[in-house]
Amino acid sequence: MVAFIVRRVIAAVLMLVIVSVATFAIFFLIPRALGQTPEGMASRYVGRDATPEAIQGAVKRLHLDEPLIVQYGRFAKGIVAGQEYSIGPRMVECPAPCFGYSFNNNQPVWPTLMDRLPATLSLAIGAAIIWLVAGVSIGVISALRRGTLTDRLAMTVALAGVSLPIYFTGLVSLALFAYTLGIFPGGGSYTPFTEDPVMWFQALVLPWITLAFLYAALYARLTRAGMLETMGEDYIRTARAKGLKERTVVTKHALRATLTPILTIFGLDVGLLLGGAVLTESTFSIPGIGKLVIDAIRGNDLPVVLGVTLFAAFFIVLANLIVDVLYAVVDPRVRLS
């Protein structure tokens, strides 16, 4: 088991290196290959209304006129060891991990990401708990009652959940439950947990349900399909022939085998959301990482966009690593292979 974990950690580190190279290529190599000048690239760092002098200064500060291999070396070194930026006559330090420096906000990107992370964590973890419990439960019930009214109703709702875009369900839930009935607070009412736990909970109920509705519908369909396939296996018939209770057959044998692929998808989904639930945060005006990157795109703040990209990639790789370890715990055959 230890050797398995070590191999996965090494693979995760290598993947992060590959991600950093790919991210650098997207933001620096491809624009240069398409003929963009260093001045044109620098304009994306200093905002839309920057003067020619400010753009030339950004070229020098960011070393955009140097060879790409040297630029990547500075880029990778900044993530590991930090770097310094010259802002006029003074030098500004960007401590490690330095994901860039926003000249629009005059501060490193990393502290900004840390300020926005609690809101995204609150949204992602709360919604994940709801959709995992609800989706798997509905899928199991639907599979055990295949062909009944309960099964058809559950799959109809699941189809609607998968089909409806999240900004539509979010706006409808806001219009109905917040602005018409007044049951929940409207958008923009997010309060940090440390300031007021009650307001924090009330402000996140609608975003949680809206986000969980989409994912729970998908998980219900996947669980139902997996359970129907597993319940027809020989070892399930053997367990029943031994006289085991139906609850034991379903939970210990059938559900455990079904949860193996669900676990993989769950880890990836949570990793993606931790990198920013863009549509949900924008719809409900939650000051998380997703809304941060939308504001950065609108304000032409490339360092923030680059930082969020790396940050999201880190969470996806981390989620993959955790899923690989849990996969080995759930299914011993993975360890043996």
C-alpha atoms as a PDB file:
ATOM      1  CA  MET A   1       0.000   0.000   0.000  1.00  0.00           C
ATOM      2  CA  VAL A   2       2.865   2.383   0.827  1.00  0.00           C
ATOM      3  CA  ALA A   3       4.550   1.665  -2.498  1.00  0.00           C
ATOM      4  CA  PHE A   4       1.249   2.266  -4.280  1.00  0.00           C
ATOM      5  CA  ILE A   5       0.831   5.667  -2.586  1.00  0.00           C
ATOM      6  CA  VAL A   6       4.446   6.654  -3.354  1.00  0.00           C
ATOM      7  CA  ARG A   7       3.947   5.836  -7.025  1.00  0.00           C
ATOM      8  CA  ARG A   8       0.789   7.910  -7.140  1.00  0.00           C
ATOM      9  CA  VAL A   9       2.456  10.876  -5.393  1.00  0.00           C
ATOM     10  CA  ILE A  10       5.357  10.808  -7.869  1.00  0.00           C
ATOM     11  CA  ALA A  11       2.885  10.645 -10.756  1.00  0.00           C
ATOM     12  CA  ALA A  12       0.957  13.596  -9.285  1.00  0.00           C
ATOM     13  CA  VAL A  13       4.130  15.704  -9.019  1.00  0.00           C
ATOM     14  CA  LEU A  14       5.044  14.905 -12.619  1.00  0.00           C
ATOM     15  CA  MET A  15       1.532  15.796 -13.698  1.00  0.00           C
ATOM     16  CA  LEU A  16       1.798  19.181 -11.942  1.00  0.00           C
ATOM     17  CA  VAL A  17       5.026  19.861 -13.845  1.00  0.00           C
ATOM     18  CA  ILE A  18       3.310  18.958 -17.123  1.00  0.00           C
ATOM     19  CA  VAL A  19       0.366  21.183 -16.201  1.00  0.00           C
ATOM     20  CA  SER A  20       2.702  24.115 -15.515  1.00  0.00           C
ATOM     21  CA  VAL A  21       4.360  23.650 -18.915  1.00  0.00           C
ATOM     22  CA  ALA A  22       0.986  23.385 -20.679  1.00  0.00           C
ATOM     23  CA  THR A  23      -0.350  26.454 -18.856  1.00  0.00           C
ATOM     24  CA  PHE A  24       2.748  28.458 -19.735  1.00  0.00           C
ATOM     25  CA  ALA A  25       2.422  27.382 -23.364  1.00  0.00           C
ATOM     26  CA  ILE A  26      -1.225  28.470 -23.518  1.00  0.00           C
ATOM     27  CA  PHE A  27      -0.572  31.914 -22.071  1.00  0.00           C
ATOM     28  CA  PHE A  28       2.882  32.662 -23.521  1.00  0.00           C
ATOM     29  CA  LEU A  29       4.033  30.262 -26.248  1.00  0.00           C
ATOM     30  CA  ILE A  30       0.879  30.112 -28.383  1.00  0.00           C
ATOM     31  CA  PRO A  31       0.358  33.916 -28.504  1.00  0.00           C
ATOM     32  CA  ARG A  32       4.007  34.358 -29.561  1.00  0.00           C
ATOM     33  CA  ALA A  33       3.629  31.609 -32.169  1.00  0.00           C
ATOM     34  CA  LEU A  34       0.590  33.414 -33.567  1.00  0.00           C
ATOM     35  CA  GLY A  35       2.624  36.574 -34.010  1.00  0.00           C
ATOM     36  CA  GLN A  36       1.703  38.596 -30.931  1.00  0.00           C
ATOM     37  CA  THR A  37       4.383  41.055 -29.852  1.00  0.00           C
ATOM     38  CA  PRO A  38       5.713  41.402 -26.285  1.00  0.00           C
ATOM     39  CA  GLU A  39       3.907  44.740 -26.091  1.00  0.00           C
ATOM     40  CA  GLY A  40       0.619  43.098 -27.033  1.00  0.00           C
ATOM     41  CA  MET A  41       1.117  40.440 -24.373  1.00  0.00           C
ATOM     42  CA  ALA A  42       2.089  43.058 -21.770  1.00  0.00           C
ATOM     43  CA  SER A  43      -1.156  44.948 -22.411  1.00  0.00           C
ATOM     44  CA  ARG A  44      -3.058  42.002 -20.934  1.00  0.00           C
ATOM     45  CA  TYR A  45      -1.230  42.477 -17.641  1.00  0.00           C
ATOM     46  CA  VAL A  46      -1.834  46.181 -17.065  1.00  0.00           C
ATOM     47  CA  GLY A  47      -5.534  46.514 -17.922  1.00  0.00           C
ATOM     48  CA  ARG A  48      -7.468  47.876 -20.878  1.00  0.00           C
ATOM     49  CA  ASP A  49      -6.716  51.581 -20.361  1.00  0.00           C
ATOM     50  CA  ALA A  50      -2.942  51.341 -19.952  1.00  0.00           C
ATOM     51  CA  THR A  51      -0.667  53.968 -21.544  1.00  0.00           C
ATOM     52  CA  PRO A  52       2.159  53.014 -23.946  1.00  0.00           C
ATOM     53  CA  GLU A  53       4.662  53.850 -21.204  1.00  0.00           C
ATOM     54  CA  ALA A  54       2.926  51.473 -18.796  1.00  0.00           C
ATOM     55  CA  ILE A  55       2.942  48.726 -21.417  1.00  0.00           C
ATOM     56  CA  GLN A  56       6.673  49.181 -22.099  1.00  0.00           C
ATOM     57  CA  GLY A  57       7.309  49.099 -18.367  1.00  0.00           C
ATOM     58  CA  ALA A  58       5.362  45.844 -18.082  1.00  0.00           C
ATOM     59  CA  VAL A  59       7.467  44.312 -20.870  1.00  0.00           C
ATOM     60  CA  LYS A  60      10.624  45.065 -18.896  1.00  0.00           C
ATOM     61  CA  ARG A  61       9.196  44.050 -15.512  1.00  0.00           C
ATOM     62  CA  LEU A  62       7.858  40.736 -16.818  1.00  0.00           C
ATOM     63  CA  HIS A  63      10.854  40.022 -19.073  1.00  0.00           C
ATOM     64  CA  LEU A  64       8.540  39.350 -22.007  1.00  0.00           C
ATOM     65  CA  ASP A  65      11.307  40.288 -24.452  1.00  0.00           C
ATOM     66  CA  GLU A  66      13.486  37.390 -23.261  1.00  0.00           C
ATOM     67  CA  PRO A  67      13.571  33.873 -24.830  1.00  0.00           C
ATOM     68  CA  LEU A  68      10.634  31.661 -23.891  1.00  0.00           C
ATOM     69  CA  ILE A  69      12.792  29.068 -22.141  1.00  0.00           C
ATOM     70  CA  VAL A  70      14.157  31.798 -19.854  1.00  0.00           C
ATOM     71  CA  GLN A  71      10.625  33.055 -19.215  1.00  0.00           C
ATOM     72  CA  TYR A  72       9.466  29.568 -18.236  1.00  0.00           C
ATOM     73  CA  GLY A  73      12.432  29.237 -15.894  1.00  0.00           C
ATOM     74  CA  ARG A  74      11.391  32.460 -14.135  1.00  0.00           C
ATOM     75  CA  PHE A  75       7.782  31.286 -14.134  1.00  0.00           C
ATOM     76  CA  ALA A  76       8.591  27.907 -12.529  1.00  0.00           C
ATOM     77  CA  LYS A  77      11.067  29.449 -10.091  1.00  0.00           C
ATOM     78  CA  GLY A  78       8.437  31.959  -8.977  1.00  0.00           C
ATOM     79  CA  ILE A  79       5.996  29.172  -8.100  1.00  0.00           C
ATOM     80  CA  VAL A  80       8.597  27.332  -6.017  1.00  0.00           C
ATOM     81  CA  ALA A  81      10.781  30.099  -4.585  1.00  0.00           C
ATOM     82  CA  GLY A  82       8.919  33.355  -5.251  1.00  0.00           C
ATOM     83  CA  GLN A  83      10.178  36.339  -7.205  1.00  0.00           C
ATOM     84  CA  GLU A  84      10.366  40.118  -7.213  1.00  0.00           C
ATOM     85  CA  TYR A  85       8.619  42.643  -9.442  1.00  0.00           C
ATOM     86  CA  SER A  86       9.748  46.214 -10.071  1.00  0.00           C
ATOM     87  CA  ILE A  87       6.888  48.676  -9.640  1.00  0.00           C
ATOM     88  CA  GLY A  88       8.344  51.997 -10.690  1.00  0.00           C
ATOM     89  CA  PRO A  89      11.278  52.833  -8.415  1.00  0.00           C
ATOM     90  CA  ARG A  90      10.507  50.112  -5.861  1.00  0.00           C
ATOM     91  CA  MET A  91      10.731  46.339  -5.796  1.00  0.00           C
ATOM     92  CA  VAL A  92       7.751  44.267  -4.672  1.00  0.00           C
ATOM     93  CA  GLU A  93       8.299  40.757  -3.378  1.00  0.00           C
ATOM     94  CA  CYS A  94       5.934  37.964  -4.389  1.00  0.00           C
ATOM     95  CA  PRO A  95       6.604  35.150  -1.891  1.00  0.00           C
ATOM     96  CA  ALA A  96       6.286  31.485  -2.813  1.00  0.00           C
ATOM     97  CA  PRO A  97       4.054  30.112  -4.076  1.00  0.00           C
ATOM     98  CA  CYS A  98       4.009  33.056  -6.487  1.00  0.00           C
ATOM     99  CA  PHE A  99       1.231  32.557  -9.024  1.00  0.00           C
ATOM    100  CA  GLY A 100       1.864  35.997 -10.501  1.00  0.00           C
ATOM    101  CA  TYR A 101       1.376  39.644  -9.602  1.00  0.00           C
ATOM    102  CA  SER A 102      -1.772  41.570 -10.493  1.00  0.00           C
ATOM    103  CA  PHE A 103      -0.827  45.056 -11.641  1.00  0.00           C
ATOM    104  CA  ASN A 104      -4.521  45.971 -11.662  1.00  0.00           C
ATOM    105  CA  ASN A 105      -4.866  45.286  -7.927  1.00  0.00           C
ATOM    106  CA  ASN A 106      -1.199  45.886  -7.037  1.00  0.00           C
ATOM    107  CA  GLN A 107      -0.911  42.652  -5.068  1.00  0.00           C
ATOM    108  CA  PRO A 108       0.231  39.057  -5.595  1.00  0.00           C
ATOM    109  CA  VAL A 109      -2.346  36.640  -6.948  1.00  0.00           C
ATOM    110  CA  TRP A 110      -1.876  33.987  -4.240  1.00  0.00           C
ATOM    111  CA  PRO A 111      -3.295  36.047  -1.317  1.00  0.00           C
ATOM    112  CA  THR A 112      -6.276  36.943  -3.496  1.00  0.00           C
ATOM    113  CA  LEU A 113      -6.914  33.252  -4.178  1.00  0.00           C
ATOM    114  CA  MET A 114      -6.670  32.492  -0.454  1.00  0.00           C
ATOM    115  CA  ASP A 115      -9.194  35.235   0.314  1.00  0.00           C
ATOM    116  CA  ARG A 116     -11.679  33.754  -2.172  1.00  0.00           C
ATOM    117  CA  LEU A 117     -11.064  30.079  -1.361  1.00  0.00           C
ATOM    118  CA  PRO A 118     -13.298  29.845   1.779  1.00  0.00           C
ATOM    119  CA  ALA A 119     -16.394  30.847  -0.211  1.00  0.00           C
ATOM    120  CA  THR A 120     -15.649  28.302  -2.931  1.00  0.00           C
ATOM    121  CA  LEU A 121     -14.896  25.614  -0.336  1.00  0.00           C
ATOM    122  CA  SER A 122     -18.188  26.332   1.434  1.00  0.00           C
ATOM    123  CA  LEU A 123     -20.119  26.038  -1.811  1.00  0.00           C
ATOM    124  CA  ALA A 124     -18.331  22.968  -3.169  1.00  0.00           C
ATOM    125  CA  ILE A 125     -18.241  20.850  -0.002  1.00  0.00           C
ATOM    126  CA  GLY A 126     -21.842  21.572   0.999  1.00  0.00           C
ATOM    127  CA  ALA A 127     -23.177  20.836  -2.475  1.00  0.00           C
ATOM    128  CA  ALA A 128     -20.993  17.719  -2.797  1.00  0.00           C
ATOM    129  CA  ILE A 129     -22.408  16.190   0.390  1.00  0.00           C
ATOM    130  CA  ILE A 130     -25.958  16.820  -0.791  1.00  0.00           C
ATOM    131  CA  TRP A 131     -25.519  15.490  -4.316  1.00  0.00           C
ATOM    132  CA  LEU A 132     -23.567  12.405  -3.247  1.00  0.00           C
ATOM    133  CA  VAL A 133     -26.066  11.328  -0.591  1.00  0.00           C
ATOM    134  CA  ALA A 134     -29.148  12.239  -2.634  1.00  0.00           C
ATOM    135  CA  GLY A 135     -27.871  10.959  -5.971  1.00  0.00           C
ATOM    136  CA  VAL A 136     -26.642   7.588  -4.726  1.00  0.00           C
ATOM    137  CA  SER A 137     -29.735   7.034  -2.561  1.00  0.00           C
ATOM    138  CA  ILE A 138     -32.129   7.828  -5.399  1.00  0.00           C
ATOM    139  CA  GLY A 139     -30.136   5.660  -7.792  1.00  0.00           C
ATOM    140  CA  VAL A 140     -30.207   2.664  -5.437  1.00  0.00           C
ATOM    141  CA  ILE A 141     -33.931   2.997  -4.761  1.00  0.00           C
ATOM    142  CA  SER A 142     -34.652   3.397  -8.466  1.00  0.00           C
ATOM    143  CA  ALA A 143     -32.620   0.294  -9.325  1.00  0.00           C
ATOM    144  CA  LEU A 144     -34.291  -1.823  -6.642  1.00  0.00           C
ATOM    145  CA  ARG A 145     -37.730  -0.701  -7.876  1.00  0.00           C
ATOM    146  CA  ARG A 146     -37.004  -0.946 -11.563  1.00  0.00           C
ATOM    147  CA  GLY A 147     -39.977  -0.299 -13.814  1.00  0.00           C
ATOM    148  CA  THR A 148     -42.196   1.104 -11.052  1.00  0.00           C
ATOM    149  CA  LEU A 149     -43.659   4.586 -10.841  1.00  0.00           C
ATOM    150  CA  THR A 150     -40.935   5.545  -8.366  1.00  0.00           C
ATOM    151  CA  ASP A 151     -38.238   4.534 -10.839  1.00  0.00           C
ATOM    152  CA  ARG A 152     -39.776   6.426 -13.725  1.00  0.00           C
ATOM    153  CA  LEU A 153     -40.423   9.546 -11.666  1.00  0.00           C
ATOM    154  CA  ALA A 154     -36.875   9.560 -10.301  1.00  0.00           C
ATOM    155  CA  MET A 155     -35.330   9.146 -13.746  1.00  0.00           C
ATOM    156  CA  THR A 156     -37.578  11.870 -15.181  1.00  0.00           C
ATOM    157  CA  VAL A 157     -36.406  14.302 -12.515  1.00  0.00           C
ATOM    158  CA  ALA A 158     -32.811  13.161 -13.070  1.00  0.00           C
ATOM    159  CA  LEU A 159     -33.133  13.781 -16.812  1.00  0.00           C
ATOM    160  CA  ALA A 160     -34.436  17.280 -16.106  1.00  0.00           C
ATOM    161  CA  GLY A 161     -31.567  17.928 -13.712  1.00  0.00           C
ATOM    162  CA  VAL A 162     -28.960  16.859 -16.254  1.00  0.00           C
ATOM    163  CA  SER A 163     -30.612  18.807 -19.085  1.00  0.00           C
ATOM    164  CA  LEU A 164     -31.281  22.150 -17.395  1.00  0.00           C
ATOM    165  CA  PRO A 165     -28.297  24.538 -17.275  1.00  0.00           C
ATOM    166  CA  ILE A 166     -27.264  25.698 -13.849  1.00  0.00           C
ATOM    167  CA  TYR A 167     -27.743  29.389 -14.570  1.00  0.00           C
ATOM    168  CA  PHE A 168     -31.371  28.661 -15.500  1.00  0.00           C
ATOM    169  CA  THR A 169     -32.182  26.677 -12.360  1.00  0.00           C
ATOM    170  CA  GLY A 170     -30.249  29.218 -10.293  1.00  0.00           C
ATOM    171  CA  LEU A 171     -32.175  32.199 -11.629  1.00  0.00           C
ATOM    172  CA  VAL A 172     -35.512  30.378 -11.291  1.00  0.00           C
ATOM    173  CA  SER A 173     -34.752  29.401  -7.677  1.00  0.00           C
ATOM    174  CA  LEU A 174     -33.717  32.985  -6.870  1.00  0.00           C
ATOM    175  CA  ALA A 175     -36.848  34.430  -8.464  1.00  0.00           C
ATOM    176  CA  LEU A 176     -39.153  31.951  -6.715  1.00  0.00           C
ATOM    177  CA  PHE A 177     -37.672  31.284  -3.290  1.00  0.00           C
ATOM    178  CA  ALA A 178     -35.784  34.528  -2.666  1.00  0.00           C
ATOM    179  CA  TYR A 179     -37.546  37.400  -4.422  1.00  0.00           C
ATOM    180  CA  THR A 180     -41.134  36.067  -4.535  1.00  0.00           C
ATOM    181  CA  LEU A 181     -41.583  33.911  -1.429  1.00  0.00           C
ATOM    182  CA  GLY A 182     -38.741  35.452   0.572  1.00  0.00           C
ATOM    183  CA  ILE A 183     -37.774  32.117   2.126  1.00  0.00           C
ATOM    184  CA  PHE A 184     -34.061  32.526   1.449  1.00  0.00           C
ATOM    185  CA  PRO A 185     -31.878  35.615   0.994  1.00  0.00           C
ATOM    186  CA  GLY A 186     -31.171  36.777  -2.545  1.00  0.00           C
ATOM    187  CA  GLY A 187     -27.928  36.870  -4.471  1.00  0.00           C
ATOM    188  CA  GLY A 188     -25.000  38.811  -3.060  1.00  0.00           C
ATOM    189  CA  SER A 189     -25.907  38.040   0.552  1.00  0.00           C
ATOM    190  CA  TYR A 190     -23.003  35.674   1.232  1.00  0.00           C
ATOM    191  CA  THR A 191     -21.517  36.108   4.699  1.00  0.00           C
ATOM    192  CA  PRO A 192     -18.323  34.346   5.847  1.00  0.00           C
ATOM    193  CA  PHE A 193     -18.846  31.577   8.377  1.00  0.00           C
ATOM    194  CA  THR A 194     -16.558  33.302  10.893  1.00  0.00           C
ATOM    195  CA  GLU A 195     -18.742  36.421  10.892  1.00  0.00           C
ATOM    196  CA  ASP A 196     -22.221  34.902  11.116  1.00  0.00           C
ATOM    197  CA  PRO A 197     -22.737  31.112  10.788  1.00  0.00           C
ATOM    198  CA  VAL A 198     -26.508  31.453  10.493  1.00  0.00           C
ATOM    199  CA  MET A 199     -26.342  33.970   7.640  1.00  0.00           C
ATOM    200  CA  TRP A 200     -23.612  31.871   6.020  1.00  0.00           C
ATOM    201  CA  PHE A 201     -25.908  28.845   6.035  1.00  0.00           C
ATOM    202  CA  GLN A 202     -28.977  30.734   4.818  1.00  0.00           C
ATOM    203  CA  ALA A 203     -27.073  32.372   1.960  1.00  0.00           C
ATOM    204  CA  LEU A 204     -25.719  29.031   0.727  1.00  0.00           C
ATOM    205  CA  VAL A 205     -28.851  26.879   0.899  1.00  0.00           C
ATOM    206  CA  LEU A 206     -30.089  27.883  -2.568  1.00  0.00           C
ATOM    207  CA  PRO A 207     -26.644  27.629  -4.239  1.00  0.00           C
ATOM    208  CA  TRP A 208     -26.117  24.238  -2.598  1.00  0.00           C
ATOM    209  CA  ILE A 209     -29.455  22.884  -3.819  1.00  0.00           C
ATOM    210  CA  THR A 210     -29.049  24.373  -7.292  1.00  0.00           C
ATOM    211  CA  LEU A 211     -25.564  22.947  -7.759  1.00  0.00           C
ATOM    212  CA  ALA A 212     -26.461  19.619  -6.149  1.00  0.00           C
ATOM    213  CA  PHE A 213     -29.550  19.249  -8.366  1.00  0.00           C
ATOM    214  CA  LEU A 214     -27.364  19.034 -11.463  1.00  0.00           C
ATOM    215  CA  TYR A 215     -24.827  16.594 -10.029  1.00  0.00           C
ATOM    216  CA  ALA A 216     -27.322  14.498  -8.030  1.00  0.00           C
ATOM    217  CA  ALA A 217     -29.264  13.840 -11.216  1.00  0.00           C
ATOM    218  CA  LEU A 218     -26.123  12.567 -12.928  1.00  0.00           C
ATOM    219  CA  TYR A 219     -25.093  10.439  -9.941  1.00  0.00           C
ATOM    220  CA  ALA A 220     -28.580   8.945  -9.675  1.00  0.00           C
ATOM    221  CA  ARG A 221     -28.453   7.797 -13.287  1.00  0.00           C
ATOM    222  CA  LEU A 222     -24.938   6.385 -12.901  1.00  0.00           C
ATOM    223  CA  THR A 223     -25.794   4.612  -9.642  1.00  0.00           C
ATOM    224  CA  ARG A 224     -28.950   3.112 -11.086  1.00  0.00           C
ATOM    225  CA  ALA A 225     -27.105   1.787 -14.144  1.00  0.00           C
ATOM    226  CA  GLY A 226     -24.310   0.370 -11.979  1.00  0.00           C
ATOM    227  CA  MET A 227     -26.696  -1.262  -9.524  1.00  0.00           C
ATOM    228  CA  LEU A 228     -28.747  -2.879 -12.287  1.00  0.00           C
ATOM    229  CA  GLU A 229     -25.602  -4.356 -13.790  1.00  0.00           C
ATOM    230  CA  THR A 230     -24.184  -5.485 -10.437  1.00  0.00           C
ATOM    231  CA  MET A 231     -27.426  -7.054  -9.175  1.00  0.00           C
ATOM    232  CA  GLY A 232     -27.290  -9.499 -12.078  1.00  0.00           C
ATOM    233  CA  GLU A 233     -23.802 -10.784 -11.248  1.00  0.00           C
ATOM    234  CA  ASP A 234     -23.168 -14.335 -10.100  1.00  0.00           C
ATOM    235  CA  TYR A 235     -21.754 -13.356  -6.707  1.00  0.00           C
ATOM    236  CA  ILE A 236     -24.984 -11.490  -5.884  1.00  0.00           C
ATOM    237  CA  ARG A 237     -27.006 -14.628  -6.589  1.00  0.00           C
ATOM    238  CA  THR A 238     -24.508 -16.591  -4.489  1.00  0.00           C
ATOM    239  CA  ALA A 239     -24.904 -14.162  -1.575  1.00  0.00           C
ATOM    240  CA  ARG A 240     -28.670 -14.513  -1.739  1.00  0.00           C
ATOM    241  CA  ALA A 241     -28.390 -18.308  -1.973  1.00  0.00           C
ATOM    242  CA  LYS A 242     -26.375 -18.295   1.251  1.00  0.00           C
ATOM    243  CA  GLY A 243     -29.335 -16.729   2.996  1.00  0.00           C
ATOM    244  CA  LEU A 244     -27.888 -13.242   3.556  1.00  0.00           C
ATOM    245  CA  LYS A 245     -30.351 -10.487   4.286  1.00  0.00           C
ATOM    246  CA  GLU A 246     -31.335  -8.360   1.304  1.00  0.00           C
ATOM    247  CA  ARG A 247     -29.980  -5.253   3.042  1.00  0.00           C
ATOM    248  CA  THR A 248     -26.578  -6.939   3.416  1.00  0.00           C
ATOM    249  CA  VAL A 249     -26.602  -8.066  -0.216  1.00  0.00           C
ATOM    250  CA  VAL A 250     -27.418  -4.559  -1.433  1.00  0.00           C
ATOM    251  CA  THR A 251     -25.156  -2.490   0.829  1.00  0.00           C
ATOM    252  CA  LYS A 252     -22.144  -4.738   1.362  1.00  0.00           C
ATOM    253  CA  HIS A 253     -21.908  -6.448  -2.018  1.00  0.00           C
ATOM    254  CA  ALA A 254     -23.827  -4.608  -4.744  1.00  0.00           C
ATOM    255  CA  LEU A 255     -23.442  -0.999  -3.595  1.00  0.00           C
ATOM    256  CA  ARG A 256     -19.741  -1.334  -2.799  1.00  0.00           C
ATOM    257  CA  ALA A 257     -18.975  -2.517  -6.313  1.00  0.00           C
ATOM    258  CA  THR A 258     -21.148   0.232  -7.779  1.00  0.00           C
ATOM    259  CA  LEU A 259     -19.433   2.966  -5.752  1.00  0.00           C
ATOM    260  CA  THR A 260     -16.009   2.298  -7.260  1.00  0.00           C
ATOM    261  CA  PRO A 261     -16.583   4.280 -10.511  1.00  0.00           C
ATOM    262  CA  ILE A 262     -18.783   6.773  -8.624  1.00  0.00           C
ATOM    263  CA  LEU A 263     -15.832   7.535  -6.346  1.00  0.00           C
ATOM    264  CA  THR A 264     -13.652   8.383  -9.330  1.00  0.00           C
ATOM    265  CA  ILE A 265     -16.188  10.784 -10.789  1.00  0.00           C
ATOM    266  CA  PHE A 266     -16.895  12.323  -7.394  1.00  0.00           C
ATOM    267  CA  GLY A 267     -13.239  13.175  -6.821  1.00  0.00           C
ATOM    268  CA  LEU A 268     -12.910  14.813 -10.226  1.00  0.00           C
ATOM    269  CA  ASP A 269     -16.128  16.799  -9.795  1.00  0.00           C
ATOM    270  CA  VAL A 270     -15.099  18.126  -6.392  1.00  0.00           C
ATOM    271  CA  GLY A 271     -11.649  18.979  -7.731  1.00  0.00           C
ATOM    272  CA  LEU A 272     -13.188  20.936 -10.579  1.00  0.00           C
ATOM    273  CA  LEU A 273     -15.502  22.831  -8.239  1.00  0.00           C
ATOM    274  CA  LEU A 274     -12.677  23.736  -5.871  1.00  0.00           C
ATOM    275  CA  GLY A 275     -11.053  25.434  -8.838  1.00  0.00           C
ATOM    276  CA  GLY A 276     -14.116  27.639  -9.088  1.00  0.00           C
ATOM    277  CA  ALA A 277     -17.834  27.029  -9.630  1.00  0.00           C
ATOM    278  CA  VAL A 278     -18.020  29.785 -12.220  1.00  0.00           C
ATOM    279  CA  LEU A 279     -21.704  29.713 -13.174  1.00  0.00           C
ATOM    280  CA  THR A 280     -23.051  29.159  -9.655  1.00  0.00           C
ATOM    281  CA  GLU A 281     -20.864  31.824  -8.068  1.00  0.00           C
ATOM    282  CA  SER A 282     -21.737  34.305 -10.810  1.00  0.00           C
ATOM    283  CA  THR A 283     -25.467  33.566 -10.601  1.00  0.00           C
ATOM    284  CA  PHE A 284     -25.630  33.955  -6.812  1.00  0.00           C
ATOM    285  CA  SER A 285     -22.869  36.627  -6.573  1.00  0.00           C
ATOM    286  CA  ILE A 286     -20.738  34.484  -4.270  1.00  0.00           C
ATOM    287  CA  PRO A 287     -17.244  36.008  -3.909  1.00  0.00           C
ATOM    288  CA  GLY A 288     -15.385  32.800  -4.700  1.00  0.00           C
ATOM    289  CA  ILE A 289     -12.665  31.791  -7.127  1.00  0.00           C
ATOM    290  CA  GLY A 290     -15.108  31.311 -10.005  1.00  0.00           C
ATOM    291  CA  LYS A 291     -16.395  34.878  -9.732  1.00  0.00           C
ATOM    292  CA  LEU A 292     -12.816  36.084  -9.331  1.00  0.00           C
ATOM    293  CA  VAL A 293     -11.773  34.645 -12.681  1.00  0.00           C
ATOM    294  CA  ILE A 294     -14.859  36.081 -14.408  1.00  0.00           C
ATOM    295  CA  ASP A 295     -14.042  39.543 -13.041  1.00  0.00           C
ATOM    296  CA  ALA A 296     -10.406  39.074 -14.077  1.00  0.00           C
ATOM    297  CA  ILE A 297     -11.397  38.190 -17.647  1.00  0.00           C
ATOM    298  CA  ARG A 298     -13.639  41.241 -17.837  1.00  0.00           C
ATOM    299  CA  GLY A 299     -10.879  43.449 -16.454  1.00  0.00           C
ATOM    300  CA  ASN A 300      -8.190  41.925 -18.704  1.00  0.00           C
ATOM    301  CA  ASP A 301      -6.220  40.873 -15.620  1.00  0.00           C
ATOM    302  CA  LEU A 302      -4.161  38.025 -17.096  1.00  0.00           C
ATOM    303  CA  PRO A 303      -2.065  37.203 -13.981  1.00  0.00           C
ATOM    304  CA  VAL A 304      -5.234  36.396 -12.038  1.00  0.00           C
ATOM    305  CA  VAL A 305      -6.572  34.233 -14.887  1.00  0.00           C
ATOM    306  CA  LEU A 306      -3.228  32.427 -15.064  1.00  0.00           C
ATOM    307  CA  GLY A 307      -3.152  31.954 -11.287  1.00  0.00           C
ATOM    308  CA  VAL A 308      -6.681  30.554 -11.169  1.00  0.00           C
ATOM    309  CA  THR A 309      -5.825  28.152 -14.003  1.00  0.00           C
ATOM    310  CA  LEU A 310      -2.844  26.772 -12.095  1.00  0.00           C
ATOM    311  CA  PHE A 311      -4.829  26.708  -8.860  1.00  0.00           C
ATOM    312  CA  ALA A 312      -7.685  24.753 -10.448  1.00  0.00           C
ATOM    313  CA  ALA A 313      -5.237  22.335 -12.057  1.00  0.00           C
ATOM    314  CA  PHE A 314      -3.625  21.718  -8.675  1.00  0.00           C
ATOM    315  CA  PHE A 315      -6.965  20.776  -7.126  1.00  0.00           C
ATOM    316  CA  ILE A 316      -7.804  18.437 -10.000  1.00  0.00           C
ATOM    317  CA  VAL A 317      -4.456  16.644  -9.693  1.00  0.00           C
ATOM    318  CA  LEU A 318      -4.857  16.490  -5.900  1.00  0.00           C
ATOM    319  CA  ALA A 319      -8.366  15.078  -6.284  1.00  0.00           C
ATOM    320  CA  ASN A 320      -7.028  12.431  -8.665  1.00  0.00           C
ATOM    321  CA  LEU A 321      -4.372  11.464  -6.128  1.00  0.00           C
ATOM    322  CA  ILE A 322      -6.904  11.136  -3.301  1.00  0.00           C
ATOM    323  CA  VAL A 323      -9.264   9.140  -5.523  1.00  0.00           C
ATOM    324  CA  ASP A 324      -6.453   6.758  -6.501  1.00  0.00           C
ATOM    325  CA  VAL A 325      -5.687   6.094  -2.837  1.00  0.00           C
ATOM    326  CA  LEU A 326      -9.358   5.638  -1.912  1.00  0.00           C
ATOM    327  CA  TYR A 327      -9.814   3.460  -4.970  1.00  0.00           C
ATOM    328  CA  ALA A 328      -7.201   1.081  -3.606  1.00  0.00           C
ATOM    329  CA  VAL A 329      -8.959   1.046  -0.224  1.00  0.00           C
ATOM    330  CA  VAL A 330     -12.369   0.273  -1.741  1.00  0.00           C
ATOM    331  CA  ASP A 331     -11.118  -2.239  -4.323  1.00  0.00           C
ATOM    332  CA  PRO A 332      -8.121  -4.389  -3.214  1.00  0.00           C
ATOM    333  CA  ARG A 333      -7.618  -5.547  -6.806  1.00  0.00           C
ATOM    334  CA  VAL A 334      -6.162  -2.104  -7.609  1.00  0.00           C
ATOM    335  CA  ARG A 335      -3.395  -2.573  -5.034  1.00  0.00           C
ATOM    336  CA  LEU A 336      -2.561  -6.012  -6.342  1.00  0.00           C
ATOM    337  CA  SER A 337      -2.313  -4.763  -9.910  1.00  0.00           C
END
